[in-house]
Amino acid sequence: RAQQDIEARQQAMQTLSVLFNLEKTANKQ
């Protein structure tokens, strides 16, 4: 939430999605 740099924030969210396989989880829901 505190990440001010847009690119860095997007990269962090993408990393979380990949590491925890979040897109697959969301698609299942």
mmCIF file of all heavy atoms, coordinates in Angstrom:
data_MODEL
# 
_entry.id   MODEL 
# 
loop_
_atom_site.group_PDB 
_atom_site.id 
_atom_site.type_symbol 
_atom_site.label_atom_id 
_atom_site.label_alt_id 
_atom_site.label_comp_id 
_atom_site.label_asym_id 
_atom_site.label_entity_id 
_atom_site.label_seq_id 
_atom_site.pdbx_PDB_ins_code 
_atom_site.Cartn_x 
_atom_site.Cartn_y 
_atom_site.Cartn_z 
_atom_site.occupancy 
_atom_site.B_iso_or_equiv 
_atom_site.pdbx_formal_charge 
_atom_site.auth_seq_id 
_atom_site.auth_comp_id 
_atom_site.auth_asym_id 
_atom_site.auth_atom_id 
_atom_site.pdbx_PDB_model_num 
ATOM 1   N N   . ARG A 1 1  ? 0.828   -1.223  0.000   1.00 0.00 ? 1  ARG A N   1 
ATOM 2   C CA  . ARG A 1 1  ? 0.000   0.000   0.000   1.00 0.00 ? 1  ARG A CA  1 
ATOM 3   C C   . ARG A 1 1  ? 0.857   1.266   0.000   1.00 0.00 ? 1  ARG A C   1 
ATOM 4   O O   . ARG A 1 1  ? 0.478   2.286   -0.574  1.00 0.00 ? 1  ARG A O   1 
ATOM 5   C CB  . ARG A 1 1  ? -0.910  0.010   1.235   1.00 0.00 ? 1  ARG A CB  1 
ATOM 6   C CG  . ARG A 1 1  ? -2.037  -1.007  1.209   1.00 0.00 ? 1  ARG A CG  1 
ATOM 7   C CD  . ARG A 1 1  ? -3.023  -0.710  2.339   1.00 0.00 ? 1  ARG A CD  1 
ATOM 8   N NE  . ARG A 1 1  ? -4.083  -1.687  2.416   1.00 0.00 ? 1  ARG A NE  1 
ATOM 9   C CZ  . ARG A 1 1  ? -4.167  -2.645  3.329   1.00 0.00 ? 1  ARG A CZ  1 
ATOM 10  N NH1 . ARG A 1 1  ? -3.228  -2.753  4.250   1.00 0.00 ? 1  ARG A NH1 1 
ATOM 11  N NH2 . ARG A 1 1  ? -5.173  -3.489  3.328   1.00 0.00 ? 1  ARG A NH2 1 
ATOM 12  N N   . ALA A 1 2  ? 2.005   1.225   0.656   1.00 0.00 ? 2  ALA A N   1 
ATOM 13  C CA  . ALA A 1 2  ? 2.834   2.411   0.816   1.00 0.00 ? 2  ALA A CA  1 
ATOM 14  C C   . ALA A 1 2  ? 3.730   2.690   -0.393  1.00 0.00 ? 2  ALA A C   1 
ATOM 15  O O   . ALA A 1 2  ? 4.308   3.770   -0.495  1.00 0.00 ? 2  ALA A O   1 
ATOM 16  C CB  . ALA A 1 2  ? 3.704   2.276   2.067   1.00 0.00 ? 2  ALA A CB  1 
ATOM 17  N N   . GLN A 1 3  ? 3.834   1.730   -1.295  1.00 0.00 ? 3  GLN A N   1 
ATOM 18  C CA  . GLN A 1 3  ? 4.718   1.885   -2.447  1.00 0.00 ? 3  GLN A CA  1 
ATOM 19  C C   . GLN A 1 3  ? 4.237   3.020   -3.339  1.00 0.00 ? 3  GLN A C   1 
ATOM 20  O O   . GLN A 1 3  ? 3.151   2.979   -3.902  1.00 0.00 ? 3  GLN A O   1 
ATOM 21  C CB  . GLN A 1 3  ? 4.783   0.577   -3.245  1.00 0.00 ? 3  GLN A CB  1 
ATOM 22  C CG  . GLN A 1 3  ? 5.688   0.614   -4.456  1.00 0.00 ? 3  GLN A CG  1 
ATOM 23  C CD  . GLN A 1 3  ? 7.113   0.976   -4.115  1.00 0.00 ? 3  GLN A CD  1 
ATOM 24  O OE1 . GLN A 1 3  ? 7.536   2.112   -4.358  1.00 0.00 ? 3  GLN A OE1 1 
ATOM 25  N NE2 . GLN A 1 3  ? 7.851   0.048   -3.538  1.00 0.00 ? 3  GLN A NE2 1 
ATOM 26  N N   . GLN A 1 4  ? 5.048   4.096   -3.482  1.00 0.00 ? 4  GLN A N   1 
ATOM 27  C CA  . GLN A 1 4  ? 4.631   5.273   -4.238  1.00 0.00 ? 4  GLN A CA  1 
ATOM 28  C C   . GLN A 1 4  ? 4.942   5.163   -5.721  1.00 0.00 ? 4  GLN A C   1 
ATOM 29  O O   . GLN A 1 4  ? 4.213   5.696   -6.545  1.00 0.00 ? 4  GLN A O   1 
ATOM 30  C CB  . GLN A 1 4  ? 5.308   6.528   -3.664  1.00 0.00 ? 4  GLN A CB  1 
ATOM 31  C CG  . GLN A 1 4  ? 4.890   6.828   -2.228  1.00 0.00 ? 4  GLN A CG  1 
ATOM 32  C CD  . GLN A 1 4  ? 5.428   8.164   -1.751  1.00 0.00 ? 4  GLN A CD  1 
ATOM 33  O OE1 . GLN A 1 4  ? 5.715   9.050   -2.535  1.00 0.00 ? 4  GLN A OE1 1 
ATOM 34  N NE2 . GLN A 1 4  ? 5.559   8.304   -0.432  1.00 0.00 ? 4  GLN A NE2 1 
ATOM 35  N N   . ASP A 1 5  ? 6.011   4.479   -6.059  1.00 0.00 ? 5  ASP A N   1 
ATOM 36  C CA  . ASP A 1 5  ? 6.382   4.335   -7.459  1.00 0.00 ? 5  ASP A CA  1 
ATOM 37  C C   . ASP A 1 5  ? 5.407   3.382   -8.160  1.00 0.00 ? 5  ASP A C   1 
ATOM 38  O O   . ASP A 1 5  ? 5.259   2.223   -7.748  1.00 0.00 ? 5  ASP A O   1 
ATOM 39  C CB  . ASP A 1 5  ? 7.815   3.800   -7.563  1.00 0.00 ? 5  ASP A CB  1 
ATOM 40  C CG  . ASP A 1 5  ? 8.273   3.735   -9.012  1.00 0.00 ? 5  ASP A CG  1 
ATOM 41  O OD1 . ASP A 1 5  ? 8.762   4.757   -9.520  1.00 0.00 ? 5  ASP A OD1 1 
ATOM 42  O OD2 . ASP A 1 5  ? 8.100   2.663   -9.630  1.00 0.00 ? 5  ASP A OD2 1 
ATOM 43  N N   . ILE A 1 6  ? 4.738   3.880   -9.179  1.00 0.00 ? 6  ILE A N   1 
ATOM 44  C CA  . ILE A 1 6  ? 3.685   3.086   -9.837  1.00 0.00 ? 6  ILE A CA  1 
ATOM 45  C C   . ILE A 1 6  ? 4.251   1.795   -10.420 1.00 0.00 ? 6  ILE A C   1 
ATOM 46  O O   . ILE A 1 6  ? 3.685   0.714   -10.246 1.00 0.00 ? 6  ILE A O   1 
ATOM 47  C CB  . ILE A 1 6  ? 2.996   3.918   -10.942 1.00 0.00 ? 6  ILE A CB  1 
ATOM 48  C CG1 . ILE A 1 6  ? 2.255   5.103   -10.312 1.00 0.00 ? 6  ILE A CG1 1 
ATOM 49  C CG2 . ILE A 1 6  ? 2.026   3.065   -11.745 1.00 0.00 ? 6  ILE A CG2 1 
ATOM 50  C CD1 . ILE A 1 6  ? 1.637   6.053   -11.326 1.00 0.00 ? 6  ILE A CD1 1 
ATOM 51  N N   . GLU A 1 7  ? 5.393   1.903   -11.134 1.00 0.00 ? 7  GLU A N   1 
ATOM 52  C CA  . GLU A 1 7  ? 5.971   0.709   -11.763 1.00 0.00 ? 7  GLU A CA  1 
ATOM 53  C C   . GLU A 1 7  ? 6.398   -0.312  -10.717 1.00 0.00 ? 7  GLU A C   1 
ATOM 54  O O   . GLU A 1 7  ? 6.187   -1.521  -10.883 1.00 0.00 ? 7  GLU A O   1 
ATOM 55  C CB  . GLU A 1 7  ? 7.159   1.105   -12.639 1.00 0.00 ? 7  GLU A CB  1 
ATOM 56  C CG  . GLU A 1 7  ? 6.754   1.870   -13.896 1.00 0.00 ? 7  GLU A CG  1 
ATOM 57  C CD  . GLU A 1 7  ? 7.937   2.103   -14.824 1.00 0.00 ? 7  GLU A CD  1 
ATOM 58  O OE1 . GLU A 1 7  ? 9.016   1.510   -14.582 1.00 0.00 ? 7  GLU A OE1 1 
ATOM 59  O OE2 . GLU A 1 7  ? 7.783   2.891   -15.768 1.00 0.00 ? 7  GLU A OE2 1 
ATOM 60  N N   . ALA A 1 8  ? 7.014   0.171   -9.632  1.00 0.00 ? 8  ALA A N   1 
ATOM 61  C CA  . ALA A 1 8  ? 7.456   -0.738  -8.571  1.00 0.00 ? 8  ALA A CA  1 
ATOM 62  C C   . ALA A 1 8  ? 6.251   -1.409  -7.905  1.00 0.00 ? 8  ALA A C   1 
ATOM 63  O O   . ALA A 1 8  ? 6.302   -2.606  -7.571  1.00 0.00 ? 8  ALA A O   1 
ATOM 64  C CB  . ALA A 1 8  ? 8.274   0.028   -7.536  1.00 0.00 ? 8  ALA A CB  1 
ATOM 65  N N   . ARG A 1 9  ? 5.171   -0.658  -7.732  1.00 0.00 ? 9  ARG A N   1 
ATOM 66  C CA  . ARG A 1 9  ? 3.967   -1.234  -7.116  1.00 0.00 ? 9  ARG A CA  1 
ATOM 67  C C   . ARG A 1 9  ? 3.354   -2.295  -8.028  1.00 0.00 ? 9  ARG A C   1 
ATOM 68  O O   . ARG A 1 9  ? 2.946   -3.359  -7.583  1.00 0.00 ? 9  ARG A O   1 
ATOM 69  C CB  . ARG A 1 9  ? 2.957   -0.120  -6.811  1.00 0.00 ? 9  ARG A CB  1 
ATOM 70  C CG  . ARG A 1 9  ? 1.759   -0.613  -6.020  1.00 0.00 ? 9  ARG A CG  1 
ATOM 71  C CD  . ARG A 1 9  ? 0.912   0.521   -5.479  1.00 0.00 ? 9  ARG A CD  1 
ATOM 72  N NE  . ARG A 1 9  ? 0.261   1.294   -6.509  1.00 0.00 ? 9  ARG A NE  1 
ATOM 73  C CZ  . ARG A 1 9  ? 0.597   2.529   -6.860  1.00 0.00 ? 9  ARG A CZ  1 
ATOM 74  N NH1 . ARG A 1 9  ? 1.614   3.125   -6.267  1.00 0.00 ? 9  ARG A NH1 1 
ATOM 75  N NH2 . ARG A 1 9  ? -0.060  3.183   -7.810  1.00 0.00 ? 9  ARG A NH2 1 
ATOM 76  N N   . GLN A 1 10 ? 3.288   -1.975  -9.331  1.00 0.00 ? 10 GLN A N   1 
ATOM 77  C CA  . GLN A 1 10 ? 2.745   -2.951  -10.282 1.00 0.00 ? 10 GLN A CA  1 
ATOM 78  C C   . GLN A 1 10 ? 3.602   -4.223  -10.318 1.00 0.00 ? 10 GLN A C   1 
ATOM 79  O O   . GLN A 1 10 ? 3.070   -5.331  -10.383 1.00 0.00 ? 10 GLN A O   1 
ATOM 80  C CB  . GLN A 1 10 ? 2.677   -2.323  -11.689 1.00 0.00 ? 10 GLN A CB  1 
ATOM 81  C CG  . GLN A 1 10 ? 1.699   -1.171  -11.832 1.00 0.00 ? 10 GLN A CG  1 
ATOM 82  C CD  . GLN A 1 10 ? 0.250   -1.612  -11.746 1.00 0.00 ? 10 GLN A CD  1 
ATOM 83  O OE1 . GLN A 1 10 ? -0.053  -2.790  -11.879 1.00 0.00 ? 10 GLN A OE1 1 
ATOM 84  N NE2 . GLN A 1 10 ? -0.646  -0.662  -11.503 1.00 0.00 ? 10 GLN A NE2 1 
ATOM 85  N N   . GLN A 1 11 ? 4.924   -4.021  -10.251 1.00 0.00 ? 11 GLN A N   1 
ATOM 86  C CA  . GLN A 1 11 ? 5.835   -5.176  -10.264 1.00 0.00 ? 11 GLN A CA  1 
ATOM 87  C C   . GLN A 1 11 ? 5.656   -6.024  -9.016  1.00 0.00 ? 11 GLN A C   1 
ATOM 88  O O   . GLN A 1 11 ? 5.650   -7.265  -9.077  1.00 0.00 ? 11 GLN A O   1 
ATOM 89  C CB  . GLN A 1 11 ? 7.289   -4.682  -10.353 1.00 0.00 ? 11 GLN A CB  1 
ATOM 90  C CG  . GLN A 1 11 ? 8.322   -5.796  -10.460 1.00 0.00 ? 11 GLN A CG  1 
ATOM 91  C CD  . GLN A 1 11 ? 8.121   -6.659  -11.692 1.00 0.00 ? 11 GLN A CD  1 
ATOM 92  O OE1 . GLN A 1 11 ? 7.996   -6.140  -12.792 1.00 0.00 ? 11 GLN A OE1 1 
ATOM 93  N NE2 . GLN A 1 11 ? 8.070   -7.970  -11.511 1.00 0.00 ? 11 GLN A NE2 1 
ATOM 94  N N   . ALA A 1 12 ? 5.487   -5.370  -7.865  1.00 0.00 ? 12 ALA A N   1 
ATOM 95  C CA  . ALA A 1 12 ? 5.284   -6.097  -6.616  1.00 0.00 ? 12 ALA A CA  1 
ATOM 96  C C   . ALA A 1 12 ? 3.985   -6.904  -6.659  1.00 0.00 ? 12 ALA A C   1 
ATOM 97  O O   . ALA A 1 12 ? 3.943   -8.059  -6.215  1.00 0.00 ? 12 ALA A O   1 
ATOM 98  C CB  . ALA A 1 12 ? 5.257   -5.117  -5.444  1.00 0.00 ? 12 ALA A CB  1 
ATOM 99  N N   . MET A 1 13 ? 2.925   -6.292  -7.181  1.00 0.00 ? 13 MET A N   1 
ATOM 100 C CA  . MET A 1 13 ? 1.652   -7.012  -7.273  1.00 0.00 ? 13 MET A CA  1 
ATOM 101 C C   . MET A 1 13 ? 1.761   -8.198  -8.236  1.00 0.00 ? 13 MET A C   1 
ATOM 102 O O   . MET A 1 13 ? 1.206   -9.271  -7.980  1.00 0.00 ? 13 MET A O   1 
ATOM 103 C CB  . MET A 1 13 ? 0.545   -6.053  -7.712  1.00 0.00 ? 13 MET A CB  1 
ATOM 104 C CG  . MET A 1 13 ? 0.145   -5.040  -6.642  1.00 0.00 ? 13 MET A CG  1 
ATOM 105 S SD  . MET A 1 13 ? -1.350  -4.111  -7.028  1.00 0.00 ? 13 MET A SD  1 
ATOM 106 C CE  . MET A 1 13 ? -0.785  -3.068  -8.357  1.00 0.00 ? 13 MET A CE  1 
ATOM 107 N N   . GLN A 1 14 ? 2.482   -7.981  -9.351  1.00 0.00 ? 14 GLN A N   1 
ATOM 108 C CA  . GLN A 1 14 ? 2.659   -9.066  -10.307 1.00 0.00 ? 14 GLN A CA  1 
ATOM 109 C C   . GLN A 1 14 ? 3.452   -10.215 -9.684  1.00 0.00 ? 14 GLN A C   1 
ATOM 110 O O   . GLN A 1 14 ? 3.132   -11.404 -9.885  1.00 0.00 ? 14 GLN A O   1 
ATOM 111 C CB  . GLN A 1 14 ? 3.388   -8.532  -11.547 1.00 0.00 ? 14 GLN A CB  1 
ATOM 112 C CG  . GLN A 1 14 ? 3.567   -9.555  -12.666 1.00 0.00 ? 14 GLN A CG  1 
ATOM 113 C CD  . GLN A 1 14 ? 2.246   -10.048 -13.224 1.00 0.00 ? 14 GLN A CD  1 
ATOM 114 O OE1 . GLN A 1 14 ? 1.268   -9.297  -13.237 1.00 0.00 ? 14 GLN A OE1 1 
ATOM 115 N NE2 . GLN A 1 14 ? 2.202   -11.292 -13.645 1.00 0.00 ? 14 GLN A NE2 1 
ATOM 116 N N   . THR A 1 15 ? 4.492   -9.874  -8.911  1.00 0.00 ? 15 THR A N   1 
ATOM 117 C CA  . THR A 1 15 ? 5.308   -10.897 -8.250  1.00 0.00 ? 15 THR A CA  1 
ATOM 118 C C   . THR A 1 15 ? 4.472   -11.710 -7.269  1.00 0.00 ? 15 THR A C   1 
ATOM 119 O O   . THR A 1 15 ? 4.559   -12.953 -7.222  1.00 0.00 ? 15 THR A O   1 
ATOM 120 C CB  . THR A 1 15 ? 6.485   -10.228 -7.506  1.00 0.00 ? 15 THR A CB  1 
ATOM 121 O OG1 . THR A 1 15 ? 7.286   -9.507  -8.450  1.00 0.00 ? 15 THR A OG1 1 
ATOM 122 C CG2 . THR A 1 15 ? 7.342   -11.270 -6.805  1.00 0.00 ? 15 THR A CG2 1 
ATOM 123 N N   . LEU A 1 16 ? 3.657   -11.034 -6.471  1.00 0.00 ? 16 LEU A N   1 
ATOM 124 C CA  . LEU A 1 16 ? 2.768   -11.731 -5.542  1.00 0.00 ? 16 LEU A CA  1 
ATOM 125 C C   . LEU A 1 16 ? 1.816   -12.658 -6.276  1.00 0.00 ? 16 LEU A C   1 
ATOM 126 O O   . LEU A 1 16 ? 1.570   -13.800 -5.844  1.00 0.00 ? 16 LEU A O   1 
ATOM 127 C CB  . LEU A 1 16 ? 1.973   -10.721 -4.711  1.00 0.00 ? 16 LEU A CB  1 
ATOM 128 C CG  . LEU A 1 16 ? 2.678   -10.077 -3.520  1.00 0.00 ? 16 LEU A CG  1 
ATOM 129 C CD1 . LEU A 1 16 ? 1.787   -9.007  -2.902  1.00 0.00 ? 16 LEU A CD1 1 
ATOM 130 C CD2 . LEU A 1 16 ? 3.039   -11.128 -2.468  1.00 0.00 ? 16 LEU A CD2 1 
ATOM 131 N N   . SER A 1 17 ? 1.264   -12.163 -7.388  1.00 0.00 ? 17 SER A N   1 
ATOM 132 C CA  . SER A 1 17 ? 0.311   -12.976 -8.153  1.00 0.00 ? 17 SER A CA  1 
ATOM 133 C C   . SER A 1 17 ? 0.960   -14.243 -8.681  1.00 0.00 ? 17 SER A C   1 
ATOM 134 O O   . SER A 1 17 ? 0.361   -15.330 -8.657  1.00 0.00 ? 17 SER A O   1 
ATOM 135 C CB  . SER A 1 17 ? -0.254  -12.155 -9.327  1.00 0.00 ? 17 SER A CB  1 
ATOM 136 O OG  . SER A 1 17 ? -1.015  -11.070 -8.860  1.00 0.00 ? 17 SER A OG  1 
ATOM 137 N N   . VAL A 1 18 ? 2.222   -14.099 -9.137  1.00 0.00 ? 18 VAL A N   1 
ATOM 138 C CA  . VAL A 1 18 ? 2.929   -15.270 -9.685  1.00 0.00 ? 18 VAL A CA  1 
ATOM 139 C C   . VAL A 1 18 ? 3.331   -16.222 -8.565  1.00 0.00 ? 18 VAL A C   1 
ATOM 140 O O   . VAL A 1 18 ? 3.102   -17.435 -8.641  1.00 0.00 ? 18 VAL A O   1 
ATOM 141 C CB  . VAL A 1 18 ? 4.165   -14.804 -10.482 1.00 0.00 ? 18 VAL A CB  1 
ATOM 142 C CG1 . VAL A 1 18 ? 5.032   -16.010 -10.869 1.00 0.00 ? 18 VAL A CG1 1 
ATOM 143 C CG2 . VAL A 1 18 ? 3.741   -14.023 -11.724 1.00 0.00 ? 18 VAL A CG2 1 
ATOM 144 N N   . LEU A 1 19 ? 3.944   -15.699 -7.503  1.00 0.00 ? 19 LEU A N   1 
ATOM 145 C CA  . LEU A 1 19 ? 4.451   -16.540 -6.420  1.00 0.00 ? 19 LEU A CA  1 
ATOM 146 C C   . LEU A 1 19 ? 3.336   -17.327 -5.727  1.00 0.00 ? 19 LEU A C   1 
ATOM 147 O O   . LEU A 1 19 ? 3.513   -18.492 -5.347  1.00 0.00 ? 19 LEU A O   1 
ATOM 148 C CB  . LEU A 1 19 ? 5.193   -15.687 -5.388  1.00 0.00 ? 19 LEU A CB  1 
ATOM 149 C CG  . LEU A 1 19 ? 6.533   -15.086 -5.841  1.00 0.00 ? 19 LEU A CG  1 
ATOM 150 C CD1 . LEU A 1 19 ? 7.108   -14.196 -4.750  1.00 0.00 ? 19 LEU A CD1 1 
ATOM 151 C CD2 . LEU A 1 19 ? 7.532   -16.198 -6.192  1.00 0.00 ? 19 LEU A CD2 1 
ATOM 152 N N   . PHE A 1 20 ? 2.171   -16.680 -5.546  1.00 0.00 ? 20 PHE A N   1 
ATOM 153 C CA  . PHE A 1 20 ? 1.069   -17.334 -4.847  1.00 0.00 ? 20 PHE A CA  1 
ATOM 154 C C   . PHE A 1 20 ? -0.010  -17.861 -5.798  1.00 0.00 ? 20 PHE A C   1 
ATOM 155 O O   . PHE A 1 20 ? -1.055  -18.344 -5.354  1.00 0.00 ? 20 PHE A O   1 
ATOM 156 C CB  . PHE A 1 20 ? 0.430   -16.365 -3.844  1.00 0.00 ? 20 PHE A CB  1 
ATOM 157 C CG  . PHE A 1 20 ? 1.287   -16.107 -2.646  1.00 0.00 ? 20 PHE A CG  1 
ATOM 158 C CD1 . PHE A 1 20 ? 2.184   -15.051 -2.631  1.00 0.00 ? 20 PHE A CD1 1 
ATOM 159 C CD2 . PHE A 1 20 ? 1.209   -16.933 -1.528  1.00 0.00 ? 20 PHE A CD2 1 
ATOM 160 C CE1 . PHE A 1 20 ? 2.988   -14.813 -1.527  1.00 0.00 ? 20 PHE A CE1 1 
ATOM 161 C CE2 . PHE A 1 20 ? 2.003   -16.699 -0.418  1.00 0.00 ? 20 PHE A CE2 1 
ATOM 162 C CZ  . PHE A 1 20 ? 2.896   -15.639 -0.413  1.00 0.00 ? 20 PHE A CZ  1 
ATOM 163 N N   . ASN A 1 21 ? 0.265   -17.751 -7.126  1.00 0.00 ? 21 ASN A N   1 
ATOM 164 C CA  . ASN A 1 21 ? -0.663  -18.282 -8.122  1.00 0.00 ? 21 ASN A CA  1 
ATOM 165 C C   . ASN A 1 21 ? -2.072  -17.687 -7.928  1.00 0.00 ? 21 ASN A C   1 
ATOM 166 O O   . ASN A 1 21 ? -3.078  -18.384 -7.977  1.00 0.00 ? 21 ASN A O   1 
ATOM 167 C CB  . ASN A 1 21 ? -0.721  -19.810 -8.028  1.00 0.00 ? 21 ASN A CB  1 
ATOM 168 C CG  . ASN A 1 21 ? -1.181  -20.431 -9.336  1.00 0.00 ? 21 ASN A CG  1 
ATOM 169 O OD1 . ASN A 1 21 ? -1.174  -19.788 -10.383 1.00 0.00 ? 21 ASN A OD1 1 
ATOM 170 N ND2 . ASN A 1 21 ? -1.605  -21.689 -9.276  1.00 0.00 ? 21 ASN A ND2 1 
ATOM 171 N N   . LEU A 1 22 ? -2.113  -16.354 -7.724  1.00 0.00 ? 22 LEU A N   1 
ATOM 172 C CA  . LEU A 1 22 ? -3.382  -15.703 -7.369  1.00 0.00 ? 22 LEU A CA  1 
ATOM 173 C C   . LEU A 1 22 ? -4.351  -15.626 -8.531  1.00 0.00 ? 22 LEU A C   1 
ATOM 174 O O   . LEU A 1 22 ? -5.568  -15.696 -8.335  1.00 0.00 ? 22 LEU A O   1 
ATOM 175 C CB  . LEU A 1 22 ? -3.109  -14.287 -6.837  1.00 0.00 ? 22 LEU A CB  1 
ATOM 176 C CG  . LEU A 1 22 ? -2.265  -14.201 -5.562  1.00 0.00 ? 22 LEU A CG  1 
ATOM 177 C CD1 . LEU A 1 22 ? -2.114  -12.758 -5.118  1.00 0.00 ? 22 LEU A CD1 1 
ATOM 178 C CD2 . LEU A 1 22 ? -2.899  -15.030 -4.435  1.00 0.00 ? 22 LEU A CD2 1 
ATOM 179 N N   . GLU A 1 23 ? -3.836  -15.476 -9.756  1.00 0.00 ? 23 GLU A N   1 
ATOM 180 C CA  . GLU A 1 23 ? -4.741  -15.385 -10.904 1.00 0.00 ? 23 GLU A CA  1 
ATOM 181 C C   . GLU A 1 23 ? -5.531  -16.670 -11.075 1.00 0.00 ? 23 GLU A C   1 
ATOM 182 O O   . GLU A 1 23 ? -6.725  -16.662 -11.368 1.00 0.00 ? 23 GLU A O   1 
ATOM 183 C CB  . GLU A 1 23 ? -3.942  -15.069 -12.174 1.00 0.00 ? 23 GLU A CB  1 
ATOM 184 C CG  . GLU A 1 23 ? -3.386  -13.653 -12.185 1.00 0.00 ? 23 GLU A CG  1 
ATOM 185 C CD  . GLU A 1 23 ? -2.663  -13.335 -13.480 1.00 0.00 ? 23 GLU A CD  1 
ATOM 186 O OE1 . GLU A 1 23 ? -2.748  -14.152 -14.424 1.00 0.00 ? 23 GLU A OE1 1 
ATOM 187 O OE2 . GLU A 1 23 ? -2.035  -12.265 -13.553 1.00 0.00 ? 23 GLU A OE2 1 
ATOM 188 N N   . LYS A 1 24 ? -4.854  -17.804 -10.840 1.00 0.00 ? 24 LYS A N   1 
ATOM 189 C CA  . LYS A 1 24 ? -5.533  -19.099 -10.946 1.00 0.00 ? 24 LYS A CA  1 
ATOM 190 C C   . LYS A 1 24 ? -6.598  -19.220 -9.872  1.00 0.00 ? 24 LYS A C   1 
ATOM 191 O O   . LYS A 1 24 ? -7.703  -19.707 -10.096 1.00 0.00 ? 24 LYS A O   1 
ATOM 192 C CB  . LYS A 1 24 ? -4.509  -20.233 -10.808 1.00 0.00 ? 24 LYS A CB  1 
ATOM 193 C CG  . LYS A 1 24 ? -5.089  -21.616 -11.057 1.00 0.00 ? 24 LYS A CG  1 
ATOM 194 C CD  . LYS A 1 24 ? -3.984  -22.664 -11.047 1.00 0.00 ? 24 LYS A CD  1 
ATOM 195 C CE  . LYS A 1 24 ? -4.568  -24.054 -11.282 1.00 0.00 ? 24 LYS A CE  1 
ATOM 196 N NZ  . LYS A 1 24 ? -3.509  -25.092 -11.256 1.00 0.00 ? 24 LYS A NZ  1 
ATOM 197 N N   . THR A 1 25 ? -6.279  -18.709 -8.662  1.00 0.00 ? 25 THR A N   1 
ATOM 198 C CA  . THR A 1 25 ? -7.248  -18.745 -7.560  1.00 0.00 ? 25 THR A CA  1 
ATOM 199 C C   . THR A 1 25 ? -8.466  -17.907 -7.908  1.00 0.00 ? 25 THR A C   1 
ATOM 200 O O   . THR A 1 25 ? -9.599  -18.303 -7.677  1.00 0.00 ? 25 THR A O   1 
ATOM 201 C CB  . THR A 1 25 ? -6.590  -18.207 -6.275  1.00 0.00 ? 25 THR A CB  1 
ATOM 202 O OG1 . THR A 1 25 ? -5.431  -18.986 -5.979  1.00 0.00 ? 25 THR A OG1 1 
ATOM 203 C CG2 . THR A 1 25 ? -7.558  -18.267 -5.104  1.00 0.00 ? 25 THR A CG2 1 
ATOM 204 N N   . ALA A 1 26 ? -8.223  -16.682 -8.441  1.00 0.00 ? 26 ALA A N   1 
ATOM 205 C CA  . ALA A 1 26 ? -9.335  -15.791 -8.793  1.00 0.00 ? 26 ALA A CA  1 
ATOM 206 C C   . ALA A 1 26 ? -10.202 -16.404 -9.878  1.00 0.00 ? 26 ALA A C   1 
ATOM 207 O O   . ALA A 1 26 ? -11.420 -16.350 -9.838  1.00 0.00 ? 26 ALA A O   1 
ATOM 208 C CB  . ALA A 1 26 ? -8.789  -14.449 -9.267  1.00 0.00 ? 26 ALA A CB  1 
ATOM 209 N N   . ASN A 1 27 ? -9.550  -17.049 -10.876 1.00 0.00 ? 27 ASN A N   1 
ATOM 210 C CA  . ASN A 1 27 ? -10.320 -17.675 -11.953 1.00 0.00 ? 27 ASN A CA  1 
ATOM 211 C C   . ASN A 1 27 ? -11.197 -18.790 -11.446 1.00 0.00 ? 27 ASN A C   1 
ATOM 212 O O   . ASN A 1 27 ? -12.326 -18.990 -11.892 1.00 0.00 ? 27 ASN A O   1 
ATOM 213 C CB  . ASN A 1 27 ? -9.362  -18.212 -13.025 1.00 0.00 ? 27 ASN A CB  1 
ATOM 214 C CG  . ASN A 1 27 ? -8.686  -17.092 -13.800 1.00 0.00 ? 27 ASN A CG  1 
ATOM 215 O OD1 . ASN A 1 27 ? -9.233  -15.993 -13.874 1.00 0.00 ? 27 ASN A OD1 1 
ATOM 216 N ND2 . ASN A 1 27 ? -7.507  -17.368 -14.358 1.00 0.00 ? 27 ASN A ND2 1 
ATOM 217 N N   . LYS A 1 28 ? -10.702 -19.556 -10.456 1.00 0.00 ? 28 LYS A N   1 
ATOM 218 C CA  . LYS A 1 28 ? -11.495 -20.628 -9.871  1.00 0.00 ? 28 LYS A CA  1 
ATOM 219 C C   . LYS A 1 28 ? -12.740 -20.078 -9.175  1.00 0.00 ? 28 LYS A C   1 
ATOM 220 O O   . LYS A 1 28 ? -13.822 -20.619 -9.248  1.00 0.00 ? 28 LYS A O   1 
ATOM 221 C CB  . LYS A 1 28 ? -10.661 -21.419 -8.859  1.00 0.00 ? 28 LYS A CB  1 
ATOM 222 C CG  . LYS A 1 28 ? -9.712  -22.414 -9.483  1.00 0.00 ? 28 LYS A CG  1 
ATOM 223 C CD  . LYS A 1 28 ? -8.994  -23.194 -8.399  1.00 0.00 ? 28 LYS A CD  1 
ATOM 224 C CE  . LYS A 1 28 ? -8.040  -24.230 -8.998  1.00 0.00 ? 28 LYS A CE  1 
ATOM 225 N NZ  . LYS A 1 28 ? -7.329  -24.976 -7.955  1.00 0.00 ? 28 LYS A NZ  1 
ATOM 226 N N   . GLN A 1 29 ? -12.544 -18.896 -8.508  1.00 0.00 ? 29 GLN A N   1 
ATOM 227 C CA  . GLN A 1 29 ? -13.658 -18.313 -7.758  1.00 0.00 ? 29 GLN A CA  1 
ATOM 228 C C   . GLN A 1 29 ? -14.779 -17.860 -8.690  1.00 0.00 ? 29 GLN A C   1 
ATOM 229 O O   . GLN A 1 29 ? -15.949 -17.912 -8.336  1.00 0.00 ? 29 GLN A O   1 
ATOM 230 C CB  . GLN A 1 29 ? -13.172 -17.111 -6.947  1.00 0.00 ? 29 GLN A CB  1 
ATOM 231 C CG  . GLN A 1 29 ? -12.292 -17.498 -5.768  1.00 0.00 ? 29 GLN A CG  1 
ATOM 232 C CD  . GLN A 1 29 ? -11.766 -16.280 -5.034  1.00 0.00 ? 29 GLN A CD  1 
ATOM 233 O OE1 . GLN A 1 29 ? -11.844 -15.178 -5.539  1.00 0.00 ? 29 GLN A OE1 1 
ATOM 234 N NE2 . GLN A 1 29 ? -11.264 -16.491 -3.840  1.00 0.00 ? 29 GLN A NE2 1 
# 
